Amino acid sequence: MRDDPADPATGWGKGIPYPPSPFINEDFLMPAVNTKQIQELRRRTGAGMLHCKSTLEATKGDLDQAVERLRLEGVTKAETRSTRRTSEGVIASYIHHNGKLAALVEVNCETDFVARTTDFANLAQQLAEHIAAAAPIAVSRDALAPDVIEAKRLAFENEVRATGKPEPLVAKIVAGKIEAYLGDVILVDQKWVREPKVKVADLIHEVGAKTGENIQVRRFARFHMGIA
């Protein structure tokens, strides 16, 4: 608002505020997205600079909203890439400092170029370390034998019924227990050991979004001294 000398034609000024101009775009008055915000968003998501800038502008500089928007975009793109052939990749290993715990993991991508990038190599190494620590039993739900799930379901049903819960609630409680069990033992459903707020699937999708390729965990093996 302005407080200029009075306009003889309108009387505005001298304490009478001028009305807002209909020609001023409010978005133009908003603080510009700064380089530090763009760099931080790039660090957290791996997205390109222009993509980060436009996303921050769309979220009015809200970094957390921008991260979530890019994450969702990355997941969507990963879903469209998921059917593309993966014939390249690396086998990564992790051996614990005491020499009694180790893991091997095969991680695949589409091209040898991506397989040789630092981002891909770091992902494979992080997955090997995670597998050693979190002890998953299958890469995905589809890879888990149906009889394993059925055995767990029966065990949970017996456990819940033993508590005297009404029969209509048993199925609902058992379904919740099955979901929690799968979250504990399926690699892509597990929480990443280094950052429990992030699922392993999100970790993989993030690198897929950054490289533009379909990235898949093919198989893994975990070794623990004295335990079959």
C-alpha atoms as a PDB file:
ATOM      1  CA  MET A   1       0.000   0.000   0.000  1.00  0.00           C
ATOM      2  CA  ARG A   2       1.161   3.572  -0.711  1.00  0.00           C
ATOM      3  CA  ASP A   3       0.803   6.780   1.306  1.00  0.00           C
ATOM      4  CA  ASP A   4       1.645   9.469  -1.254  1.00  0.00           C
ATOM      5  CA  PRO A   5       0.381  13.076  -1.407  1.00  0.00           C
ATOM      6  CA  ALA A   6      -3.351  13.187  -2.078  1.00  0.00           C
ATOM      7  CA  ASP A   7      -4.504  12.822  -5.651  1.00  0.00           C
ATOM      8  CA  PRO A   8      -6.895  15.746  -6.334  1.00  0.00           C
ATOM      9  CA  ALA A   9      -9.034  13.584  -8.637  1.00  0.00           C
ATOM     10  CA  THR A  10      -9.511  10.588  -6.343  1.00  0.00           C
ATOM     11  CA  GLY A  11      -8.591  11.780  -2.863  1.00  0.00           C
ATOM     12  CA  TRP A  12      -6.274   8.783  -2.374  1.00  0.00           C
ATOM     13  CA  GLY A  13      -3.073   9.416  -0.487  1.00  0.00           C
ATOM     14  CA  LYS A  14      -2.345  11.345   2.708  1.00  0.00           C
ATOM     15  CA  GLY A  15      -3.364   8.438   4.900  1.00  0.00           C
ATOM     16  CA  ILE A  16      -5.960   7.047   2.476  1.00  0.00           C
ATOM     17  CA  PRO A  17      -4.396   3.829   1.128  1.00  0.00           C
ATOM     18  CA  TYR A  18      -4.389   3.120  -2.556  1.00  0.00           C
ATOM     19  CA  PRO A  19      -6.446   0.038  -3.513  1.00  0.00           C
ATOM     20  CA  PRO A  20      -4.556  -3.048  -4.715  1.00  0.00           C
ATOM     21  CA  SER A  21      -3.767  -3.001  -8.404  1.00  0.00           C
ATOM     22  CA  PRO A  22      -5.682  -5.568 -10.493  1.00  0.00           C
ATOM     23  CA  PHE A  23      -2.592  -5.865 -12.689  1.00  0.00           C
ATOM     24  CA  ILE A  24      -0.243  -7.192  -9.985  1.00  0.00           C
ATOM     25  CA  ASN A  25       0.268 -10.956 -10.051  1.00  0.00           C
ATOM     26  CA  GLU A  26       0.480 -12.196  -6.465  1.00  0.00           C
ATOM     27  CA  ASP A  27       2.771 -15.052  -7.543  1.00  0.00           C
ATOM     28  CA  PHE A  28       5.242 -12.433  -8.751  1.00  0.00           C
ATOM     29  CA  LEU A  29       5.446 -11.039  -5.231  1.00  0.00           C
ATOM     30  CA  MET A  30       6.308 -14.441  -3.703  1.00  0.00           C
ATOM     31  CA  PRO A  31       9.929 -15.061  -2.691  1.00  0.00           C
ATOM     32  CA  ALA A  32      11.919 -16.629  -5.526  1.00  0.00           C
ATOM     33  CA  VAL A  33      13.112 -20.215  -5.133  1.00  0.00           C
ATOM     34  CA  ASN A  34      16.773 -20.014  -4.196  1.00  0.00           C
ATOM     35  CA  THR A  35      19.735 -22.096  -5.295  1.00  0.00           C
ATOM     36  CA  LYS A  36      20.199 -23.616  -1.836  1.00  0.00           C
ATOM     37  CA  GLN A  37      16.659 -25.051  -1.908  1.00  0.00           C
ATOM     38  CA  ILE A  38      17.205 -26.487  -5.383  1.00  0.00           C
ATOM     39  CA  GLN A  39      20.500 -28.100  -4.363  1.00  0.00           C
ATOM     40  CA  GLU A  40      18.939 -29.607  -1.242  1.00  0.00           C
ATOM     41  CA  LEU A  41      16.046 -31.028  -3.249  1.00  0.00           C
ATOM     42  CA  ARG A  42      18.504 -32.479  -5.766  1.00  0.00           C
ATOM     43  CA  ARG A  43      20.507 -34.034  -2.919  1.00  0.00           C
ATOM     44  CA  ARG A  44      17.414 -35.641  -1.415  1.00  0.00           C
ATOM     45  CA  THR A  45      15.801 -36.870  -4.634  1.00  0.00           C
ATOM     46  CA  GLY A  46      18.412 -37.027  -7.373  1.00  0.00           C
ATOM     47  CA  ALA A  47      16.079 -35.158  -9.759  1.00  0.00           C
ATOM     48  CA  GLY A  48      17.418 -32.736 -12.379  1.00  0.00           C
ATOM     49  CA  MET A  49      17.954 -29.077 -11.579  1.00  0.00           C
ATOM     50  CA  LEU A  50      15.140 -27.751 -13.776  1.00  0.00           C
ATOM     51  CA  HIS A  51      12.756 -30.392 -12.472  1.00  0.00           C
ATOM     52  CA  CYS A  52      13.648 -29.454  -8.886  1.00  0.00           C
ATOM     53  CA  LYS A  53      13.165 -25.760  -9.629  1.00  0.00           C
ATOM     54  CA  SER A  54       9.738 -26.213 -11.235  1.00  0.00           C
ATOM     55  CA  THR A  55       8.604 -28.525  -8.438  1.00  0.00           C
ATOM     56  CA  LEU A  56       9.674 -26.064  -5.753  1.00  0.00           C
ATOM     57  CA  GLU A  57       7.843 -23.292  -7.572  1.00  0.00           C
ATOM     58  CA  ALA A  58       4.721 -25.463  -7.761  1.00  0.00           C
ATOM     59  CA  THR A  59       4.905 -26.166  -4.009  1.00  0.00           C
ATOM     60  CA  LYS A  60       5.662 -22.499  -3.240  1.00  0.00           C
ATOM     61  CA  GLY A  61       9.075 -23.357  -1.832  1.00  0.00           C
ATOM     62  CA  ASP A  62       7.859 -26.108   0.530  1.00  0.00           C
ATOM     63  CA  LEU A  63      10.784 -28.552   0.441  1.00  0.00           C
ATOM     64  CA  ASP A  64       8.983 -31.476   2.090  1.00  0.00           C
ATOM     65  CA  GLN A  65       6.052 -31.205  -0.301  1.00  0.00           C
ATOM     66  CA  ALA A  66       8.475 -31.032  -3.213  1.00  0.00           C
ATOM     67  CA  VAL A  67      10.272 -34.188  -2.032  1.00  0.00           C
ATOM     68  CA  GLU A  68       6.966 -36.045  -1.723  1.00  0.00           C
ATOM     69  CA  ARG A  69       5.816 -34.886  -5.162  1.00  0.00           C
ATOM     70  CA  LEU A  70       9.049 -36.022  -6.796  1.00  0.00           C
ATOM     71  CA  ARG A  71       8.941 -39.299  -4.878  1.00  0.00           C
ATOM     72  CA  LEU A  72       5.465 -40.025  -6.198  1.00  0.00           C
ATOM     73  CA  GLU A  73       6.558 -39.119  -9.711  1.00  0.00           C
ATOM     74  CA  GLY A  74       9.544 -41.410  -9.332  1.00  0.00           C
ATOM     75  CA  VAL A  75       7.339 -44.290  -8.196  1.00  0.00           C
ATOM     76  CA  THR A  76       5.001 -43.743 -11.143  1.00  0.00           C
ATOM     77  CA  LYS A  77       7.865 -43.693 -13.605  1.00  0.00           C
ATOM     78  CA  ALA A  78       9.371 -46.783 -11.976  1.00  0.00           C
ATOM     79  CA  GLU A  79       6.096 -48.625 -12.489  1.00  0.00           C
ATOM     80  CA  THR A  80       6.157 -47.842 -16.223  1.00  0.00           C
ATOM     81  CA  ARG A  81       9.804 -48.992 -16.417  1.00  0.00           C
ATOM     82  CA  SER A  82       9.236 -52.201 -14.479  1.00  0.00           C
ATOM     83  CA  THR A  83       8.535 -54.340 -17.562  1.00  0.00           C
ATOM     84  CA  ARG A  84      11.714 -53.331 -19.403  1.00  0.00           C
ATOM     85  CA  ARG A  85      14.399 -56.016 -19.722  1.00  0.00           C
ATOM     86  CA  THR A  86      17.252 -55.941 -17.207  1.00  0.00           C
ATOM     87  CA  SER A  87      20.306 -57.856 -18.375  1.00  0.00           C
ATOM     88  CA  GLU A  88      23.121 -55.784 -16.850  1.00  0.00           C
ATOM     89  CA  GLY A  89      24.068 -55.059 -13.269  1.00  0.00           C
ATOM     90  CA  VAL A  90      26.431 -56.007 -10.489  1.00  0.00           C
ATOM     91  CA  ILE A  91      26.846 -58.495  -7.669  1.00  0.00           C
ATOM     92  CA  ALA A  92      27.646 -56.716  -4.423  1.00  0.00           C
ATOM     93  CA  SER A  93      28.868 -58.187  -1.158  1.00  0.00           C
ATOM     94  CA  TYR A  94      29.016 -57.245   2.485  1.00  0.00           C
ATOM     95  CA  ILE A  95      31.078 -58.934   5.192  1.00  0.00           C
ATOM     96  CA  HIS A  96      30.621 -57.831   8.785  1.00  0.00           C
ATOM     97  CA  HIS A  97      33.750 -56.762  10.663  1.00  0.00           C
ATOM     98  CA  ASN A  98      33.702 -59.913  12.828  1.00  0.00           C
ATOM     99  CA  GLY A  99      33.788 -62.139   9.743  1.00  0.00           C
ATOM    100  CA  LYS A 100      30.731 -64.119  10.884  1.00  0.00           C
ATOM    101  CA  LEU A 101      27.976 -62.410   8.884  1.00  0.00           C
ATOM    102  CA  ALA A 102      27.865 -61.769   5.135  1.00  0.00           C
ATOM    103  CA  ALA A 103      25.535 -61.197   2.209  1.00  0.00           C
ATOM    104  CA  LEU A 104      25.612 -61.305  -1.592  1.00  0.00           C
ATOM    105  CA  VAL A 105      23.057 -59.576  -3.793  1.00  0.00           C
ATOM    106  CA  GLU A 106      22.553 -59.404  -7.548  1.00  0.00           C
ATOM    107  CA  VAL A 107      21.072 -56.092  -8.671  1.00  0.00           C
ATOM    108  CA  ASN A 108      20.086 -55.679 -12.320  1.00  0.00           C
ATOM    109  CA  CYS A 109      19.592 -52.682 -14.613  1.00  0.00           C
ATOM    110  CA  GLU A 110      19.127 -52.130 -18.341  1.00  0.00           C
ATOM    111  CA  THR A 111      22.529 -50.908 -19.495  1.00  0.00           C
ATOM    112  CA  ASP A 112      26.186 -51.398 -18.659  1.00  0.00           C
ATOM    113  CA  PHE A 113      26.540 -47.613 -18.508  1.00  0.00           C
ATOM    114  CA  VAL A 114      24.198 -47.378 -15.499  1.00  0.00           C
ATOM    115  CA  ALA A 115      25.724 -50.492 -13.932  1.00  0.00           C
ATOM    116  CA  ARG A 116      29.058 -48.622 -13.766  1.00  0.00           C
ATOM    117  CA  THR A 117      27.673 -45.467 -12.144  1.00  0.00           C
ATOM    118  CA  THR A 118      28.401 -44.530  -8.547  1.00  0.00           C
ATOM    119  CA  ASP A 119      24.690 -44.279  -7.700  1.00  0.00           C
ATOM    120  CA  PHE A 120      24.025 -47.833  -8.848  1.00  0.00           C
ATOM    121  CA  ALA A 121      27.118 -49.232  -7.123  1.00  0.00           C
ATOM    122  CA  ASN A 122      26.150 -47.487  -3.882  1.00  0.00           C
ATOM    123  CA  LEU A 123      22.626 -48.900  -4.084  1.00  0.00           C
ATOM    124  CA  ALA A 124      23.920 -52.443  -4.537  1.00  0.00           C
ATOM    125  CA  GLN A 125      26.305 -52.014  -1.599  1.00  0.00           C
ATOM    126  CA  GLN A 126      23.555 -50.576   0.602  1.00  0.00           C
ATOM    127  CA  LEU A 127      21.291 -53.507  -0.274  1.00  0.00           C
ATOM    128  CA  ALA A 128      23.996 -56.056   0.587  1.00  0.00           C
ATOM    129  CA  GLU A 129      24.540 -54.364   3.942  1.00  0.00           C
ATOM    130  CA  HIS A 130      20.790 -54.213   4.585  1.00  0.00           C
ATOM    131  CA  ILE A 131      20.298 -57.896   3.752  1.00  0.00           C
ATOM    132  CA  ALA A 132      23.045 -58.889   6.196  1.00  0.00           C
ATOM    133  CA  ALA A 133      21.439 -56.808   8.956  1.00  0.00           C
ATOM    134  CA  ALA A 134      17.700 -57.320   8.320  1.00  0.00           C
ATOM    135  CA  ALA A 135      17.675 -61.002   7.247  1.00  0.00           C
ATOM    136  CA  PRO A 136      14.880 -60.959   4.636  1.00  0.00           C
ATOM    137  CA  ILE A 137      13.751 -64.350   3.309  1.00  0.00           C
ATOM    138  CA  ALA A 138      12.533 -63.318  -0.167  1.00  0.00           C
ATOM    139  CA  VAL A 139      12.969 -60.408  -2.582  1.00  0.00           C
ATOM    140  CA  SER A 140       9.229 -59.854  -3.123  1.00  0.00           C
ATOM    141  CA  ARG A 141       5.890 -61.260  -2.028  1.00  0.00           C
ATOM    142  CA  ASP A 142       5.580 -63.152  -5.305  1.00  0.00           C
ATOM    143  CA  ALA A 143       8.875 -64.899  -4.552  1.00  0.00           C
ATOM    144  CA  LEU A 144       7.694 -66.181  -1.173  1.00  0.00           C
ATOM    145  CA  ALA A 145       6.375 -69.733  -1.260  1.00  0.00           C
ATOM    146  CA  PRO A 146       2.556 -69.862  -0.727  1.00  0.00           C
ATOM    147  CA  ASP A 147       2.889 -72.647   1.851  1.00  0.00           C
ATOM    148  CA  VAL A 148       5.032 -70.346   4.047  1.00  0.00           C
ATOM    149  CA  ILE A 149       2.277 -67.719   4.099  1.00  0.00           C
ATOM    150  CA  GLU A 150      -0.418 -70.333   4.700  1.00  0.00           C
ATOM    151  CA  ALA A 151       1.501 -71.828   7.622  1.00  0.00           C
ATOM    152  CA  LYS A 152       1.854 -68.362   9.160  1.00  0.00           C
ATOM    153  CA  ARG A 153      -1.827 -67.666   8.627  1.00  0.00           C
ATOM    154  CA  LEU A 154      -2.848 -70.855  10.450  1.00  0.00           C
ATOM    155  CA  ALA A 155      -0.444 -70.095  13.301  1.00  0.00           C
ATOM    156  CA  PHE A 156      -1.836 -66.568  13.640  1.00  0.00           C
ATOM    157  CA  GLU A 157      -5.433 -67.820  13.557  1.00  0.00           C
ATOM    158  CA  ASN A 158      -4.729 -70.273  16.393  1.00  0.00           C
ATOM    159  CA  GLU A 159      -2.947 -67.552  18.343  1.00  0.00           C
ATOM    160  CA  VAL A 160      -5.802 -65.044  17.975  1.00  0.00           C
ATOM    161  CA  ARG A 161      -8.539 -67.570  18.740  1.00  0.00           C
ATOM    162  CA  ALA A 162      -6.660 -68.586  21.887  1.00  0.00           C
ATOM    163  CA  THR A 163      -7.125 -65.051  23.206  1.00  0.00           C
ATOM    164  CA  GLY A 164     -10.905 -65.404  23.020  1.00  0.00           C
ATOM    165  CA  LYS A 165     -11.465 -62.763  20.348  1.00  0.00           C
ATOM    166  CA  PRO A 166     -14.900 -62.853  18.654  1.00  0.00           C
ATOM    167  CA  GLU A 167     -14.819 -64.877  15.456  1.00  0.00           C
ATOM    168  CA  PRO A 168     -15.816 -61.911  13.214  1.00  0.00           C
ATOM    169  CA  LEU A 169     -12.638 -60.122  14.368  1.00  0.00           C
ATOM    170  CA  VAL A 170     -10.283 -63.051  13.877  1.00  0.00           C
ATOM    171  CA  ALA A 171      -9.907 -62.679  10.094  1.00  0.00           C
ATOM    172  CA  LYS A 172      -9.272 -58.934  10.372  1.00  0.00           C
ATOM    173  CA  ILE A 173      -6.647 -59.341  13.092  1.00  0.00           C
ATOM    174  CA  VAL A 174      -4.942 -62.182  11.221  1.00  0.00           C
ATOM    175  CA  ALA A 175      -4.799 -60.100   8.026  1.00  0.00           C
ATOM    176  CA  GLY A 176      -3.034 -57.351   9.966  1.00  0.00           C
ATOM    177  CA  LYS A 177      -0.555 -59.825  11.415  1.00  0.00           C
ATOM    178  CA  ILE A 178       0.174 -61.276   7.980  1.00  0.00           C
ATOM    179  CA  GLU A 179       0.803 -57.793   6.600  1.00  0.00           C
ATOM    180  CA  ALA A 180       3.181 -57.002   9.462  1.00  0.00           C
ATOM    181  CA  TYR A 181       4.975 -60.327   8.975  1.00  0.00           C
ATOM    182  CA  LEU A 182       5.493 -59.663   5.251  1.00  0.00           C
ATOM    183  CA  GLY A 183       6.812 -56.203   6.059  1.00  0.00           C
ATOM    184  CA  ASP A 184       9.405 -57.846   8.290  1.00  0.00           C
ATOM    185  CA  VAL A 185      10.624 -60.576   5.926  1.00  0.00           C
ATOM    186  CA  ILE A 186      10.148 -59.321   2.341  1.00  0.00           C
ATOM    187  CA  LEU A 187      13.185 -57.342   1.165  1.00  0.00           C
ATOM    188  CA  VAL A 188      11.399 -54.633  -0.835  1.00  0.00           C
ATOM    189  CA  ASP A 189       8.790 -54.176   1.936  1.00  0.00           C
ATOM    190  CA  GLN A 190      11.327 -53.846   4.735  1.00  0.00           C
ATOM    191  CA  LYS A 191      12.308 -50.543   6.319  1.00  0.00           C
ATOM    192  CA  TRP A 192      15.834 -49.589   5.354  1.00  0.00           C
ATOM    193  CA  VAL A 193      18.155 -50.260   8.282  1.00  0.00           C
ATOM    194  CA  ARG A 194      19.982 -46.948   7.845  1.00  0.00           C
ATOM    195  CA  GLU A 195      16.781 -44.869   7.651  1.00  0.00           C
ATOM    196  CA  PRO A 196      13.631 -46.649   8.924  1.00  0.00           C
ATOM    197  CA  LYS A 197      11.367 -43.962   7.424  1.00  0.00           C
ATOM    198  CA  VAL A 198      12.386 -45.230   3.972  1.00  0.00           C
ATOM    199  CA  LYS A 199      11.370 -48.603   2.564  1.00  0.00           C
ATOM    200  CA  VAL A 200      13.843 -50.617   0.514  1.00  0.00           C
ATOM    201  CA  ALA A 201      11.466 -50.364  -2.457  1.00  0.00           C
ATOM    202  CA  ASP A 202      11.637 -46.566  -2.222  1.00  0.00           C
ATOM    203  CA  LEU A 203      15.432 -46.727  -2.123  1.00  0.00           C
ATOM    204  CA  ILE A 204      15.423 -48.749  -5.353  1.00  0.00           C
ATOM    205  CA  HIS A 205      12.807 -46.510  -7.012  1.00  0.00           C
ATOM    206  CA  GLU A 206      14.825 -43.406  -6.142  1.00  0.00           C
ATOM    207  CA  VAL A 207      17.883 -44.677  -8.008  1.00  0.00           C
ATOM    208  CA  GLY A 208      15.639 -45.872 -10.841  1.00  0.00           C
ATOM    209  CA  ALA A 209      14.178 -42.374 -11.140  1.00  0.00           C
ATOM    210  CA  LYS A 210      17.646 -40.831 -11.051  1.00  0.00           C
ATOM    211  CA  THR A 211      19.095 -43.136 -13.722  1.00  0.00           C
ATOM    212  CA  GLY A 212      15.920 -43.500 -15.802  1.00  0.00           C
ATOM    213  CA  GLU A 213      16.238 -47.291 -15.848  1.00  0.00           C
ATOM    214  CA  ASN A 214      14.371 -50.317 -14.557  1.00  0.00           C
ATOM    215  CA  ILE A 215      16.287 -51.585 -11.516  1.00  0.00           C
ATOM    216  CA  GLN A 216      15.507 -54.967 -10.020  1.00  0.00           C
ATOM    217  CA  VAL A 217      16.930 -57.132  -7.248  1.00  0.00           C
ATOM    218  CA  ARG A 218      17.297 -60.547  -8.862  1.00  0.00           C
ATOM    219  CA  ARG A 219      18.410 -62.658  -5.892  1.00  0.00           C
ATOM    220  CA  PHE A 220      20.424 -62.635  -2.708  1.00  0.00           C
ATOM    221  CA  ALA A 221      22.125 -64.950  -0.256  1.00  0.00           C
ATOM    222  CA  ARG A 222      22.821 -64.362   3.424  1.00  0.00           C
ATOM    223  CA  PHE A 223      25.397 -66.212   5.511  1.00  0.00           C
ATOM    224  CA  HIS A 224      25.521 -66.296   9.297  1.00  0.00           C
ATOM    225  CA  MET A 225      28.173 -68.410  10.950  1.00  0.00           C
ATOM    226  CA  GLY A 226      26.651 -71.498  12.560  1.00  0.00           C
ATOM    227  CA  ILE A 227      23.099 -70.760  11.342  1.00  0.00           C
ATOM    228  CA  ALA A 228      21.699 -72.615   8.333  1.00  0.00           C
END
